[in-house]
Amino acid sequence: MRNRIFGAIGVVWGGAALVNWFREAGSHGSGAYAAGYSAGVIFGGLLFLVGGYYLLTGGGAKDN
């Protein structure tokens, strides 16, 4: 159950990062800010995918 809760949190936070990226397409600044923004988007996407896996499957944990 704990894995599914953390998965839901990951889906919400990762989804929010991706929605923000789609909403602000093209206004990323330059230099180090753009690199950090890109890293944040990649992290948000991974968080969304892994959170979705844990939300749907429970991470392979056995329910007792």
N, C-alpha and C. Protein backbone atom coordinates (compact mmCIF):
# COMPACT_ATOMS: atom_id res chain seq x y z
N MET A 1 0.83 -1.20 0.00
CA MET A 1 0.00 0.00 0.00
C MET A 1 0.87 1.26 0.00
N ARG A 2 1.97 1.21 0.75
CA ARG A 2 2.86 2.36 0.82
C ARG A 2 3.45 2.68 -0.55
N ASN A 3 3.80 1.63 -1.33
CA ASN A 3 4.35 1.86 -2.67
C ASN A 3 3.35 2.56 -3.57
N ARG A 4 2.09 2.21 -3.45
CA ARG A 4 1.06 2.85 -4.28
C ARG A 4 0.85 4.30 -3.89
N ILE A 5 0.95 4.60 -2.61
CA ILE A 5 0.81 5.99 -2.16
C ILE A 5 1.95 6.83 -2.69
N PHE A 6 3.19 6.31 -2.55
CA PHE A 6 4.34 7.04 -3.08
C PHE A 6 4.28 7.13 -4.59
N GLY A 7 3.74 6.12 -5.24
CA GLY A 7 3.55 6.17 -6.69
C GLY A 7 2.60 7.27 -7.09
N ALA A 8 1.51 7.42 -6.35
CA ALA A 8 0.55 8.49 -6.64
C ALA A 8 1.19 9.87 -6.46
N ILE A 9 2.01 10.01 -5.43
CA ILE A 9 2.70 11.28 -5.21
C ILE A 9 3.65 11.55 -6.38
N GLY A 10 4.36 10.53 -6.84
CA GLY A 10 5.26 10.69 -7.98
C GLY A 10 4.53 11.08 -9.24
N VAL A 11 3.37 10.49 -9.47
CA VAL A 11 2.58 10.84 -10.66
C VAL A 11 2.12 12.29 -10.59
N VAL A 12 1.68 12.73 -9.43
CA VAL A 12 1.20 14.11 -9.28
C VAL A 12 2.34 15.10 -9.46
N TRP A 13 3.46 14.90 -8.79
CA TRP A 13 4.58 15.84 -8.89
C TRP A 13 5.21 15.80 -10.27
N GLY A 14 5.44 14.61 -10.80
CA GLY A 14 6.00 14.50 -12.15
C GLY A 14 5.08 15.07 -13.19
N GLY A 15 3.79 14.82 -13.05
CA GLY A 15 2.81 15.38 -13.97
C GLY A 15 2.77 16.89 -13.91
N ALA A 16 2.90 17.44 -12.71
CA ALA A 16 2.92 18.91 -12.58
C ALA A 16 4.14 19.51 -13.26
N ALA A 17 5.29 18.84 -13.15
CA ALA A 17 6.51 19.33 -13.81
C ALA A 17 6.34 19.29 -15.32
N LEU A 18 5.73 18.23 -15.84
CA LEU A 18 5.53 18.12 -17.28
C LEU A 18 4.50 19.12 -17.79
N VAL A 19 3.43 19.34 -17.03
CA VAL A 19 2.43 20.33 -17.43
C VAL A 19 3.05 21.72 -17.46
N ASN A 20 3.88 22.03 -16.49
CA ASN A 20 4.57 23.32 -16.48
C ASN A 20 5.47 23.47 -17.70
N TRP A 21 6.14 22.39 -18.09
CA TRP A 21 7.01 22.42 -19.27
C TRP A 21 6.20 22.67 -20.53
N PHE A 22 5.04 22.00 -20.67
CA PHE A 22 4.20 22.21 -21.85
C PHE A 22 3.60 23.61 -21.86
N ARG A 23 3.27 24.12 -20.68
CA ARG A 23 2.64 25.43 -20.58
C ARG A 23 3.60 26.55 -20.94
N GLU A 24 4.88 26.40 -20.60
CA GLU A 24 5.86 27.44 -20.85
C GLU A 24 6.83 27.05 -21.96
N ALA A 25 6.33 26.51 -23.05
CA ALA A 25 7.19 26.07 -24.15
C ALA A 25 7.92 27.26 -24.77
N GLY A 26 9.25 27.19 -24.77
CA GLY A 26 10.04 28.21 -25.44
C GLY A 26 10.61 29.29 -24.55
N SER A 27 10.18 29.44 -23.32
CA SER A 27 10.69 30.51 -22.46
C SER A 27 11.58 29.94 -21.36
N HIS A 28 12.72 29.37 -21.75
CA HIS A 28 13.60 28.70 -20.80
C HIS A 28 14.82 29.52 -20.41
N GLY A 29 15.00 30.69 -20.96
CA GLY A 29 16.18 31.47 -20.63
C GLY A 29 17.39 30.96 -21.39
N SER A 30 18.56 31.18 -20.84
CA SER A 30 19.76 30.72 -21.52
C SER A 30 20.80 30.28 -20.49
N GLY A 31 21.81 29.58 -20.96
CA GLY A 31 22.92 29.18 -20.11
C GLY A 31 22.56 28.15 -19.07
N ALA A 32 23.02 28.38 -17.86
CA ALA A 32 22.85 27.42 -16.78
C ALA A 32 21.37 27.25 -16.41
N TYR A 33 20.58 28.30 -16.53
CA TYR A 33 19.16 28.19 -16.21
C TYR A 33 18.47 27.20 -17.15
N ALA A 34 18.79 27.28 -18.43
CA ALA A 34 18.19 26.37 -19.41
C ALA A 34 18.60 24.93 -19.14
N ALA A 35 19.86 24.72 -18.76
CA ALA A 35 20.33 23.37 -18.45
C ALA A 35 19.63 22.82 -17.22
N GLY A 36 19.47 23.63 -16.21
CA GLY A 36 18.76 23.20 -15.00
C GLY A 36 17.30 22.92 -15.27
N TYR A 37 16.69 23.73 -16.12
CA TYR A 37 15.29 23.54 -16.48
C TYR A 37 15.12 22.22 -17.22
N SER A 38 16.05 21.92 -18.13
CA SER A 38 15.99 20.67 -18.88
C SER A 38 16.16 19.48 -17.95
N ALA A 39 17.08 19.57 -17.01
CA ALA A 39 17.27 18.49 -16.05
C ALA A 39 16.01 18.30 -15.20
N GLY A 40 15.35 19.38 -14.83
CA GLY A 40 14.11 19.28 -14.06
C GLY A 40 13.00 18.61 -14.84
N VAL A 41 12.93 18.90 -16.14
CA VAL A 41 11.90 18.27 -16.99
C VAL A 41 12.18 16.78 -17.13
N ILE A 42 13.44 16.40 -17.30
CA ILE A 42 13.80 14.99 -17.40
C ILE A 42 13.47 14.27 -16.09
N PHE A 43 13.81 14.88 -14.96
CA PHE A 43 13.49 14.30 -13.66
C PHE A 43 11.98 14.17 -13.49
N GLY A 44 11.23 15.18 -13.89
CA GLY A 44 9.77 15.12 -13.79
C GLY A 44 9.19 13.99 -14.62
N GLY A 45 9.73 13.80 -15.82
CA GLY A 45 9.25 12.71 -16.67
C GLY A 45 9.54 11.34 -16.07
N LEU A 46 10.75 11.17 -15.54
CA LEU A 46 11.09 9.91 -14.90
C LEU A 46 10.24 9.68 -13.65
N LEU A 47 10.02 10.72 -12.89
CA LEU A 47 9.18 10.62 -11.69
C LEU A 47 7.76 10.20 -12.06
N PHE A 48 7.25 10.76 -13.15
CA PHE A 48 5.91 10.42 -13.62
C PHE A 48 5.84 8.95 -14.04
N LEU A 49 6.83 8.49 -14.81
CA LEU A 49 6.81 7.12 -15.29
C LEU A 49 6.98 6.10 -14.17
N VAL A 50 7.95 6.31 -13.31
CA VAL A 50 8.19 5.37 -12.22
C VAL A 50 7.03 5.42 -11.22
N GLY A 51 6.50 6.61 -10.96
CA GLY A 51 5.35 6.72 -10.08
C GLY A 51 4.14 5.99 -10.64
N GLY A 52 3.94 6.08 -11.94
CA GLY A 52 2.84 5.36 -12.58
C GLY A 52 3.00 3.86 -12.47
N TYR A 53 4.24 3.39 -12.62
CA TYR A 53 4.50 1.95 -12.47
C TYR A 53 4.15 1.49 -11.05
N TYR A 54 4.63 2.23 -10.06
CA TYR A 54 4.36 1.84 -8.67
C TYR A 54 2.88 2.01 -8.31
N LEU A 55 2.23 2.98 -8.91
CA LEU A 55 0.80 3.18 -8.64
C LEU A 55 -0.02 2.03 -9.20
N LEU A 56 0.32 1.57 -10.40
CA LEU A 56 -0.46 0.52 -11.05
C LEU A 56 -0.13 -0.88 -10.55
N THR A 57 1.16 -1.14 -10.29
CA THR A 57 1.56 -2.51 -9.94
C THR A 57 1.88 -2.69 -8.47
N GLY A 58 2.10 -1.63 -7.76
CA GLY A 58 2.51 -1.75 -6.36
C GLY A 58 3.98 -2.08 -6.22
N GLY A 59 4.72 -2.04 -7.33
CA GLY A 59 6.15 -2.30 -7.29
C GLY A 59 6.50 -3.77 -7.07
N GLY A 60 5.57 -4.65 -7.34
CA GLY A 60 5.83 -6.08 -7.16
C GLY A 60 5.74 -6.53 -5.72
N ALA A 61 5.28 -5.68 -4.83
CA ALA A 61 5.16 -6.05 -3.41
C ALA A 61 3.98 -6.99 -3.22
N LYS A 62 4.15 -7.94 -2.33
CA LYS A 62 3.08 -8.88 -2.02
C LYS A 62 2.19 -8.30 -0.94
N ASP A 63 0.88 -8.36 -1.14
CA ASP A 63 -0.07 -7.93 -0.11
C ASP A 63 -0.33 -9.11 0.82
N ASN A 64 -0.13 -8.89 2.11
CA ASN A 64 -0.36 -9.97 3.08
C ASN A 64 -1.73 -9.91 3.63
